[in-house]
C-alpha atoms as a PDB file:
ATOM      1  CA  MET A   1      -1.257 -13.282  -6.511  1.00  0.00           C
ATOM      2  CA  THR A   2       0.265 -11.197  -3.605  1.00  0.00           C
ATOM      3  CA  ILE A   3       1.878  -8.451  -5.692  1.00  0.00           C
ATOM      4  CA  ARG A   4      -1.687  -7.659  -7.344  1.00  0.00           C
ATOM      5  CA  LYS A   5      -3.351  -7.097  -4.105  1.00  0.00           C
ATOM      6  CA  LEU A   6      -0.483  -5.289  -2.398  1.00  0.00           C
ATOM      7  CA  LEU A   7       1.035  -2.874  -4.733  1.00  0.00           C
ATOM      8  CA  PRO A   8      -1.659  -0.673  -6.162  1.00  0.00           C
ATOM      9  CA  LEU A   9      -3.253  -0.169  -2.842  1.00  0.00           C
ATOM     10  CA  ALA A  10       0.101   0.668  -1.214  1.00  0.00           C
ATOM     11  CA  LEU A  11       1.035   3.252  -3.736  1.00  0.00           C
ATOM     12  CA  LEU A  12      -2.456   4.572  -3.808  1.00  0.00           C
ATOM     13  CA  ALA A  13      -2.342   4.947  -0.047  1.00  0.00           C
ATOM     14  CA  ALA A  14       1.103   6.745  -0.699  1.00  0.00           C
ATOM     15  CA  GLY A  15      -0.556   9.137  -3.156  1.00  0.00           C
ATOM     16  CA  THR A  16      -3.493  10.282  -1.170  1.00  0.00           C
ATOM     17  CA  ALA A  17      -3.687  13.720   0.089  1.00  0.00           C
ATOM     18  CA  ALA A  18      -5.736  14.585   2.992  1.00  0.00           C
ATOM     19  CA  HIS A  19      -7.516  17.742   4.202  1.00  0.00           C
ATOM     20  CA  ALA A  20      -9.359  16.253   7.301  1.00  0.00           C
ATOM     21  CA  ASP A  21     -12.056  14.704   4.855  1.00  0.00           C
ATOM     22  CA  VAL A  22     -10.909  14.159   1.222  1.00  0.00           C
ATOM     23  CA  SER A  23     -11.554  12.013  -1.678  1.00  0.00           C
ATOM     24  CA  VAL A  24      -8.713  11.425  -4.219  1.00  0.00           C
ATOM     25  CA  VAL A  25      -8.784   9.829  -7.733  1.00  0.00           C
ATOM     26  CA  THR A  26      -5.783   7.789  -8.638  1.00  0.00           C
ATOM     27  CA  THR A  27      -4.820   5.918 -11.635  1.00  0.00           C
ATOM     28  CA  THR A  28      -2.490   2.922 -11.833  1.00  0.00           C
ATOM     29  CA  ALA A  29      -0.739   1.491 -15.001  1.00  0.00           C
ATOM     30  CA  GLY A  30       1.695  -1.502 -15.296  1.00  0.00           C
ATOM     31  CA  ASN A  31       1.970  -5.060 -14.646  1.00  0.00           C
ATOM     32  CA  ALA A  32       2.974  -7.460 -11.916  1.00  0.00           C
ATOM     33  CA  SER A  33       4.360 -10.679 -13.481  1.00  0.00           C
ATOM     34  CA  PHE A  34       1.710 -11.682 -16.041  1.00  0.00           C
ATOM     35  CA  ILE A  35      -1.278  -9.891 -14.263  1.00  0.00           C
ATOM     36  CA  ASN A  36      -2.399  -6.395 -15.304  1.00  0.00           C
ATOM     37  CA  VAL A  37      -2.693  -4.171 -12.530  1.00  0.00           C
ATOM     38  CA  GLY A  38      -4.196  -1.023 -14.523  1.00  0.00           C
ATOM     39  CA  GLY A  39      -7.097   0.751 -13.011  1.00  0.00           C
ATOM     40  CA  THR A  40      -8.651   3.531 -11.175  1.00  0.00           C
ATOM     41  CA  SER A  41      -9.059   4.019  -7.419  1.00  0.00           C
ATOM     42  CA  THR A  42     -10.832   6.216  -5.372  1.00  0.00           C
ATOM     43  CA  SER A  43      -9.269   6.816  -1.651  1.00  0.00           C
ATOM     44  CA  LEU A  44     -11.366   8.491   0.903  1.00  0.00           C
ATOM     45  CA  ILE A  45      -9.878   9.807   4.336  1.00  0.00           C
ATOM     46  CA  LYS A  46     -11.826  10.738   7.347  1.00  0.00           C
ATOM     47  CA  GLY A  47      -9.535  11.179  10.567  1.00  0.00           C
ATOM     48  CA  ASN A  48      -7.865   7.875  11.349  1.00  0.00           C
ATOM     49  CA  ARG A  49      -9.881   6.144   8.774  1.00  0.00           C
ATOM     50  CA  MET A  50      -9.363   5.400   5.015  1.00  0.00           C
ATOM     51  CA  ARG A  51     -11.393   3.600   2.422  1.00  0.00           C
ATOM     52  CA  THR A  52     -10.084   2.742  -0.830  1.00  0.00           C
ATOM     53  CA  ASN A  53     -12.506   1.725  -3.724  1.00  0.00           C
ATOM     54  CA  SER A  54     -10.335  -0.161  -6.484  1.00  0.00           C
ATOM     55  CA  ALA A  55     -11.341  -1.136 -10.006  1.00  0.00           C
ATOM     56  CA  ILE A  56      -8.584  -3.172 -11.336  1.00  0.00           C
ATOM     57  CA  GLY A  57      -9.219  -5.119 -14.489  1.00  0.00           C
ATOM     58  CA  SER A  58     -12.847  -6.567 -13.898  1.00  0.00           C
ATOM     59  CA  ARG A  59     -12.575  -6.804 -10.156  1.00  0.00           C
ATOM     60  CA  ASN A  60     -14.103  -4.043  -7.809  1.00  0.00           C
ATOM     61  CA  ASP A  61     -12.732  -4.024  -4.218  1.00  0.00           C
ATOM     62  CA  ALA A  62     -13.185  -1.825  -1.271  1.00  0.00           C
ATOM     63  CA  LEU A  63     -10.808  -2.034   1.697  1.00  0.00           C
ATOM     64  CA  ILE A  64     -11.268   0.108   4.976  1.00  0.00           C
ATOM     65  CA  ILE A  65      -8.213   0.805   7.180  1.00  0.00           C
ATOM     66  CA  ASP A  66      -9.686   1.692  10.678  1.00  0.00           C
ATOM     67  CA  ILE A  67      -6.683   2.938  12.830  1.00  0.00           C
ATOM     68  CA  ASP A  68      -8.612   3.485  15.755  1.00  0.00           C
ATOM     69  CA  GLY A  69     -10.658   0.368  15.685  1.00  0.00           C
ATOM     70  CA  ARG A  70      -7.302  -1.498  14.841  1.00  0.00           C
ATOM     71  CA  ARG A  71      -8.987  -3.376  11.983  1.00  0.00           C
ATOM     72  CA  PHE A  72      -9.243  -3.991   8.295  1.00  0.00           C
ATOM     73  CA  ILE A  73     -12.625  -4.179   6.506  1.00  0.00           C
ATOM     74  CA  GLY A  74     -12.984  -5.699   3.185  1.00  0.00           C
ATOM     75  CA  ILE A  75     -16.522  -5.018   1.627  1.00  0.00           C
ATOM     76  CA  ASP A  76     -18.115  -7.146  -0.981  1.00  0.00           C
ATOM     77  CA  ASP A  77     -21.131  -5.124  -2.162  1.00  0.00           C
ATOM     78  CA  GLY A  78     -22.042  -7.827  -4.868  1.00  0.00           C
ATOM     79  CA  LYS A  79     -22.449 -10.376  -2.074  1.00  0.00           C
ATOM     80  CA  LYS A  80     -23.641  -8.141   0.748  1.00  0.00           C
ATOM     81  CA  SER A  81     -20.800  -9.155   2.817  1.00  0.00           C
ATOM     82  CA  ALA A  82     -17.998  -7.974   4.753  1.00  0.00           C
ATOM     83  CA  THR A  83     -14.688  -9.287   6.184  1.00  0.00           C
ATOM     84  CA  VAL A  84     -12.961  -7.649   9.565  1.00  0.00           C
ATOM     85  CA  THR A  85      -9.573  -8.745  10.080  1.00  0.00           C
ATOM     86  CA  PRO A  86      -8.341  -7.332  13.474  1.00  0.00           C
ATOM     87  CA  LEU A  87      -4.895  -5.829  13.205  1.00  0.00           C
ATOM     88  CA  GLU A  88      -3.589  -8.286  15.983  1.00  0.00           C
ATOM     89  CA  SER A  89      -4.357 -11.201  13.865  1.00  0.00           C
ATOM     90  CA  ILE A  90      -1.679 -10.130  11.208  1.00  0.00           C
ATOM     91  CA  ALA A  91       0.812  -9.065  13.556  1.00  0.00           C
ATOM     92  CA  ALA A  92       2.133 -12.401  14.521  1.00  0.00           C
ATOM     93  CA  GLN A  93       2.348 -13.425  10.671  1.00  0.00           C
ATOM     94  CA  LEU A  94       4.491 -10.367  10.129  1.00  0.00           C
ATOM     95  CA  GLU A  95       6.696 -11.191  13.044  1.00  0.00           C
ATOM     96  CA  LYS A  96       7.410 -14.768  11.704  1.00  0.00           C
ATOM     97  CA  ALA A  97       8.079 -13.650   8.074  1.00  0.00           C
ATOM     98  CA  GLY A  98      11.608 -14.552   8.212  1.00  0.00           C
ATOM     99  CA  THR A  99      12.676 -11.095   7.259  1.00  0.00           C
ATOM    100  CA  GLY A 100      15.724  -9.006   8.031  1.00  0.00           C
ATOM    101  CA  THR A 101      16.419  -5.368   8.637  1.00  0.00           C
ATOM    102  CA  ILE A 102      14.658  -2.947   6.062  1.00  0.00           C
ATOM    103  CA  GLN A 103      16.998  -0.640   4.318  1.00  0.00           C
ATOM    104  CA  ALA A 104      15.012   2.342   2.980  1.00  0.00           C
ATOM    105  CA  THR A 105      16.335   5.593   1.287  1.00  0.00           C
ATOM    106  CA  LEU A 106      14.776   8.669  -0.040  1.00  0.00           C
ATOM    107  CA  LYS A 107      16.728  11.314  -1.918  1.00  0.00           C
ATOM    108  CA  LYS A 108      15.439  14.723  -2.983  1.00  0.00           C
ATOM    109  CA  THR A 109      16.344  15.711  -6.626  1.00  0.00           C
ATOM    110  CA  SER A 110      16.258  18.901  -8.372  1.00  0.00           C
ATOM    111  CA  GLN A 111      13.548  17.911 -10.574  1.00  0.00           C
ATOM    112  CA  THR A 112      10.132  19.452 -10.013  1.00  0.00           C
ATOM    113  CA  LYS A 113       6.864  19.146 -11.986  1.00  0.00           C
ATOM    114  CA  LYS A 114       3.064  19.906 -11.391  1.00  0.00           C
ATOM    115  CA  VAL A 115       0.783  16.820 -10.720  1.00  0.00           C
ATOM    116  CA  ALA A 116      -3.305  17.185 -10.357  1.00  0.00           C
ATOM    117  CA  GLY A 117      -2.606  21.030 -10.273  1.00  0.00           C
ATOM    118  CA  TYR A 118       0.090  20.908  -7.393  1.00  0.00           C
ATOM    119  CA  ASP A 119       3.774  21.294  -7.379  1.00  0.00           C
ATOM    120  CA  CYS A 120       5.997  18.508  -6.284  1.00  0.00           C
ATOM    121  CA  THR A 121       9.652  17.472  -6.341  1.00  0.00           C
ATOM    122  CA  VAL A 122      11.133  14.044  -7.658  1.00  0.00           C
ATOM    123  CA  HIS A 123      12.752  11.954  -4.932  1.00  0.00           C
ATOM    124  CA  ASP A 124      14.616   8.808  -5.831  1.00  0.00           C
ATOM    125  CA  LEU A 125      13.739   5.887  -3.462  1.00  0.00           C
ATOM    126  CA  SER A 126      14.928   2.349  -2.605  1.00  0.00           C
ATOM    127  CA  VAL A 127      13.759  -0.426  -0.137  1.00  0.00           C
ATOM    128  CA  THR A 128      15.429  -3.434   0.377  1.00  0.00           C
ATOM    129  CA  LEU A 129      14.398  -6.372   2.606  1.00  0.00           C
ATOM    130  CA  PRO A 130      16.154  -9.400   2.995  1.00  0.00           C
ATOM    131  CA  PHE A 131      13.665 -12.308   3.708  1.00  0.00           C
ATOM    132  CA  SER A 132      13.012 -16.313   3.603  1.00  0.00           C
ATOM    133  CA  VAL A 133      10.792 -17.775   1.073  1.00  0.00           C
ATOM    134  CA  THR A 134       9.936 -20.398   3.982  1.00  0.00           C
ATOM    135  CA  GLY A 135      10.117 -18.194   6.647  1.00  0.00           C
ATOM    136  CA  HIS A 136      13.047 -19.595   8.118  1.00  0.00           C
ATOM    137  CA  PRO A 137      16.292 -17.700   7.315  1.00  0.00           C
ATOM    138  CA  GLY A 138      19.437 -19.725   6.543  1.00  0.00           C
ATOM    139  CA  ASP A 139      17.576 -22.750   5.267  1.00  0.00           C
ATOM    140  CA  GLY A 140      18.949 -21.900   1.644  1.00  0.00           C
ATOM    141  CA  MET A 141      15.773 -20.034   0.568  1.00  0.00           C
ATOM    142  CA  ASP A 142      16.844 -16.373   1.622  1.00  0.00           C
ATOM    143  CA  MET A 143      16.197 -13.650  -1.213  1.00  0.00           C
ATOM    144  CA  ASN A 144      16.295  -9.912  -1.233  1.00  0.00           C
ATOM    145  CA  LEU A 145      13.348  -7.852  -2.011  1.00  0.00           C
ATOM    146  CA  VAL A 146      14.161  -4.760  -3.637  1.00  0.00           C
ATOM    147  CA  LEU A 147      11.771  -1.867  -4.377  1.00  0.00           C
ATOM    148  CA  SER A 148      13.191   0.981  -6.162  1.00  0.00           C
ATOM    149  CA  GLY A 149      12.295   3.960  -8.334  1.00  0.00           C
ATOM    150  CA  GLN A 150      10.818   7.691  -8.086  1.00  0.00           C
ATOM    151  CA  ALA A 151       8.089   9.482  -6.523  1.00  0.00           C
ATOM    152  CA  CYS A 152       7.115  13.217  -6.825  1.00  0.00           C
ATOM    153  CA  LEU A 153       6.229  14.644  -3.315  1.00  0.00           C
ATOM    154  CA  SER A 154       4.409  17.737  -2.710  1.00  0.00           C
ATOM    155  CA  THR A 155       4.646  19.843   0.200  1.00  0.00           C
ATOM    156  CA  SER A 156       2.154  22.541  -0.923  1.00  0.00           C
ATOM    157  CA  ALA A 157      -0.883  20.277  -1.530  1.00  0.00           C
ATOM    158  CA  PRO A 158      -3.813  20.879   0.845  1.00  0.00           C
ATOM    159  CA  GLY A 159      -3.980  19.009   4.027  1.00  0.00           C
ATOM    160  CA  LEU A 160      -0.416  18.084   4.329  1.00  0.00           C
ATOM    161  CA  ALA A 161      -0.546  18.093   8.213  1.00  0.00           C
ATOM    162  CA  ASP A 162      -3.788  15.798   8.287  1.00  0.00           C
ATOM    163  CA  TYR A 163      -2.119  13.433   5.631  1.00  0.00           C
ATOM    164  CA  GLN A 164       1.077  12.939   7.576  1.00  0.00           C
ATOM    165  CA  LYS A 165      -0.864  12.520  10.833  1.00  0.00           C
ATOM    166  CA  PHE A 166      -2.876   9.703   9.337  1.00  0.00           C
ATOM    167  CA  TYR A 167       0.220   7.894   7.969  1.00  0.00           C
ATOM    168  CA  ARG A 168       2.207   8.346  11.308  1.00  0.00           C
ATOM    169  CA  ALA A 169      -0.638   6.824  13.084  1.00  0.00           C
ATOM    170  CA  SER A 170      -0.831   4.109  10.597  1.00  0.00           C
ATOM    171  CA  ALA A 171       2.943   3.246  10.821  1.00  0.00           C
ATOM    172  CA  ASP A 172       2.845   3.472  14.590  1.00  0.00           C
ATOM    173  CA  SER A 173       0.135   0.912  15.080  1.00  0.00           C
ATOM    174  CA  GLY A 174       1.791  -1.477  12.547  1.00  0.00           C
ATOM    175  CA  PHE A 175      -0.727  -1.191   9.613  1.00  0.00           C
ATOM    176  CA  ILE A 176      -0.155  -2.273   6.033  1.00  0.00           C
ATOM    177  CA  PHE A 177      -1.836  -0.965   2.942  1.00  0.00           C
ATOM    178  CA  GLY A 178      -3.386  -4.109   1.075  1.00  0.00           C
ATOM    179  CA  ASP A 179      -5.192  -7.059   1.704  1.00  0.00           C
ATOM    180  CA  PRO A 180      -4.167  -8.645   4.967  1.00  0.00           C
ATOM    181  CA  LYS A 181      -4.743 -12.139   3.776  1.00  0.00           C
ATOM    182  CA  THR A 182      -1.596 -11.671   1.753  1.00  0.00           C
ATOM    183  CA  THR A 183       0.280 -11.644   5.031  1.00  0.00           C
ATOM    184  CA  LYS A 184      -0.080 -15.611   5.346  1.00  0.00           C
ATOM    185  CA  SER A 185       2.673 -16.310   3.360  1.00  0.00           C
ATOM    186  CA  PRO A 186       6.303 -15.256   4.184  1.00  0.00           C
ATOM    187  CA  THR A 187       6.655 -13.797   0.558  1.00  0.00           C
ATOM    188  CA  GLY A 188       3.449 -11.952   1.140  1.00  0.00           C
ATOM    189  CA  ALA A 189       4.303 -10.730   4.701  1.00  0.00           C
ATOM    190  CA  ALA A 190       7.830  -9.480   3.148  1.00  0.00           C
ATOM    191  CA  GLN A 191       5.964  -7.481   0.367  1.00  0.00           C
ATOM    192  CA  ALA A 192       3.598  -5.966   2.732  1.00  0.00           C
ATOM    193  CA  LYS A 193       6.419  -4.847   5.167  1.00  0.00           C
ATOM    194  CA  ALA A 194       8.445  -3.344   2.325  1.00  0.00           C
ATOM    195  CA  TYR A 195       5.319  -1.466   0.948  1.00  0.00           C
ATOM    196  CA  ALA A 196       4.554  -0.211   4.410  1.00  0.00           C
ATOM    197  CA  GLU A 197       8.053   1.182   4.701  1.00  0.00           C
ATOM    198  CA  LEU A 198       8.052   2.774   1.490  1.00  0.00           C
ATOM    199  CA  THR A 199       4.474   4.562   2.258  1.00  0.00           C
ATOM    200  CA  ARG A 200       5.998   5.754   5.642  1.00  0.00           C
ATOM    201  CA  LYS A 201       9.155   7.052   4.186  1.00  0.00           C
ATOM    202  CA  MET A 202       7.259   9.050   1.653  1.00  0.00           C
ATOM    203  CA  ALA A 203       4.713  10.550   3.815  1.00  0.00           C
ATOM    204  CA  GLU A 204       7.290  11.928   6.122  1.00  0.00           C
ATOM    205  CA  ALA A 205       8.648  13.892   3.005  1.00  0.00           C
ATOM    206  CA  GLY A 206       5.346  14.951   1.486  1.00  0.00           C
ATOM    207  CA  MET A 207       2.451  13.778  -0.502  1.00  0.00           C
ATOM    208  CA  ALA A 208       3.267  11.356  -3.200  1.00  0.00           C
ATOM    209  CA  LEU A 209       1.130  12.741  -6.088  1.00  0.00           C
ATOM    210  CA  GLU A 210       2.882  10.462  -8.689  1.00  0.00           C
ATOM    211  CA  SER A 211       5.267   7.502  -8.240  1.00  0.00           C
ATOM    212  CA  HIS A 212       6.853   4.859 -10.639  1.00  0.00           C
ATOM    213  CA  VAL A 213       8.029   1.803  -8.773  1.00  0.00           C
ATOM    214  CA  THR A 214       9.644  -1.625  -9.726  1.00  0.00           C
ATOM    215  CA  LEU A 215       9.827  -4.489  -7.685  1.00  0.00           C
ATOM    216  CA  SER A 216      12.474  -7.219  -7.980  1.00  0.00           C
ATOM    217  CA  ALA A 217      13.777 -10.227  -6.031  1.00  0.00           C
ATOM    218  CA  SER A 218      17.255 -11.933  -5.982  1.00  0.00           C
ATOM    219  CA  GLY A 219      18.673 -14.829  -4.108  1.00  0.00           C
ATOM    220  CA  SER A 220      21.149 -18.069  -4.612  1.00  0.00           C
ATOM    221  CA  GLY A 221      18.424 -20.758  -3.543  1.00  0.00           C
ATOM    222  CA  PRO A 222      17.225 -23.639  -6.117  1.00  0.00           C
ATOM    223  CA  MET A 223      13.851 -21.670  -6.475  1.00  0.00           C
ATOM    224  CA  ALA A 224      15.365 -18.188  -6.496  1.00  0.00           C
ATOM    225  CA  GLY A 225      14.851 -17.514 -10.222  1.00  0.00           C
ATOM    226  CA  MET A 226      11.159 -18.657  -9.944  1.00  0.00           C
ATOM    227  CA  PHE A 227      10.404 -16.320  -7.147  1.00  0.00           C
ATOM    228  CA  ALA A 228      12.240 -13.525  -8.885  1.00  0.00           C
ATOM    229  CA  LYS A 229      10.036 -13.748 -11.989  1.00  0.00           C
ATOM    230  CA  LEU A 230       7.037 -13.993  -9.927  1.00  0.00           C
ATOM    231  CA  ALA A 231       7.883 -10.885  -8.072  1.00  0.00           C
ATOM    232  CA  ALA A 232       8.844  -8.689 -10.798  1.00  0.00           C
ATOM    233  CA  SER A 233       6.574  -5.717 -11.433  1.00  0.00           C
ATOM    234  CA  ASP A 234       6.642  -2.147 -12.951  1.00  0.00           C
ATOM    235  CA  ILE A 235       3.935   0.081 -11.851  1.00  0.00           C
ATOM    236  CA  THR A 236       3.274   3.720 -12.262  1.00  0.00           C
ATOM    237  CA  THR A 237       0.511   5.689 -10.118  1.00  0.00           C
ATOM    238  CA  THR A 238      -0.752   9.058 -10.628  1.00  0.00           C
ATOM    239  CA  VAL A 239      -3.262  11.316  -8.647  1.00  0.00           C
ATOM    240  CA  THR A 240      -5.568  12.974 -11.183  1.00  0.00           C
ATOM    241  CA  GLN A 241      -8.207  14.610  -8.724  1.00  0.00           C
ATOM    242  CA  ILE A 242      -8.248  15.749  -5.082  1.00  0.00           C
ATOM    243  CA  THR A 243     -11.608  16.885  -3.607  1.00  0.00           C
ATOM    244  CA  PRO A 244     -11.761  18.182  -0.126  1.00  0.00           C
ATOM    245  CA  GLY A 245     -14.951  17.915   1.631  1.00  0.00           C
ATOM    246  CA  ASP A 246     -17.083  16.053   4.543  1.00  0.00           C
ATOM    247  CA  LEU A 247     -17.450  12.451   3.901  1.00  0.00           C
ATOM    248  CA  PRO A 248     -20.275  10.491   5.690  1.00  0.00           C
ATOM    249  CA  ALA A 249     -19.070   8.279   8.783  1.00  0.00           C
ATOM    250  CA  GLU A 250     -21.054   5.481   7.660  1.00  0.00           C
ATOM    251  CA  GLN A 251     -18.827   4.891   4.509  1.00  0.00           C
ATOM    252  CA  PHE A 252     -16.136   3.839   6.872  1.00  0.00           C
ATOM    253  CA  ASP A 253     -18.179   1.137   8.480  1.00  0.00           C
ATOM    254  CA  VAL A 254     -19.897  -2.018   7.670  1.00  0.00           C
ATOM    255  CA  PRO A 255     -22.856  -1.048   5.815  1.00  0.00           C
ATOM    256  CA  ALA A 256     -26.212  -1.957   7.417  1.00  0.00           C
ATOM    257  CA  GLY A 257     -27.546  -5.516   6.779  1.00  0.00           C
ATOM    258  CA  TYR A 258     -24.335  -6.944   5.501  1.00  0.00           C
ATOM    259  CA  LYS A 259     -23.266 -10.422   6.607  1.00  0.00           C
ATOM    260  CA  VAL A 260     -20.033 -10.022   8.788  1.00  0.00           C
ATOM    261  CA  LYS A 261     -17.067 -12.647   8.922  1.00  0.00           C
ATOM    262  CA  THR A 262     -14.257 -12.031  11.295  1.00  0.00           C
ATOM    263  CA  GLN A 263     -10.913 -13.445  10.054  1.00  0.00           C
ATOM    264  CA  LYS A 264      -8.981 -15.012  12.656  1.00  0.00           C
END
């Protein structure tokens, strides 16, 4: 299901602190419809590349975002294979998603806390994105995707400038945070665009060390109720450890000897 792939990775990305090279451990709890998305993820950042290793339920995934190479790399260590998806191959899918203008707000509150040993300030957030389930606005299947909640953003955690540089570059290049295959459907593309905007918005204000986000969808079409139920989710992510330090460059590329498939 689209939501399972996108939301944990998107919020993990938003909760990653960078210090040139850095390793970050994040826990995720909650659910998306009937699917449990609880688990632990480790995110590695080196310059303009990020690798996310996720353990959600019984599944282990690795996804590399290579901004300079304009590509996603999905790693399957069990099968010793990798799937490379050029950024350009999903750009057209995102454009044809039938989405409207994104409305995003981020409001600082007076509440502060300490997460993973760093001070952060709680912000209220909201992202609304009109979209069409069929990709054709005006055909009676128009809906609104609403992502709302709170995030605790830090301006004192190490490597803020590098962190913001990475996410600024990703936003400028049109990257999403999650499995690129999810953009093949209009609903998946809408979710991907909403999460990307959420990530960009939070990164502008600081490092998201903790977040609690709900996702809902509403509409008046005949299948609105079904899609609203499928979209419903409630996710909490928390950064538990930040470890700056040099990371081997080979961790951000296809391992030697792996079979490579390029996704069109």
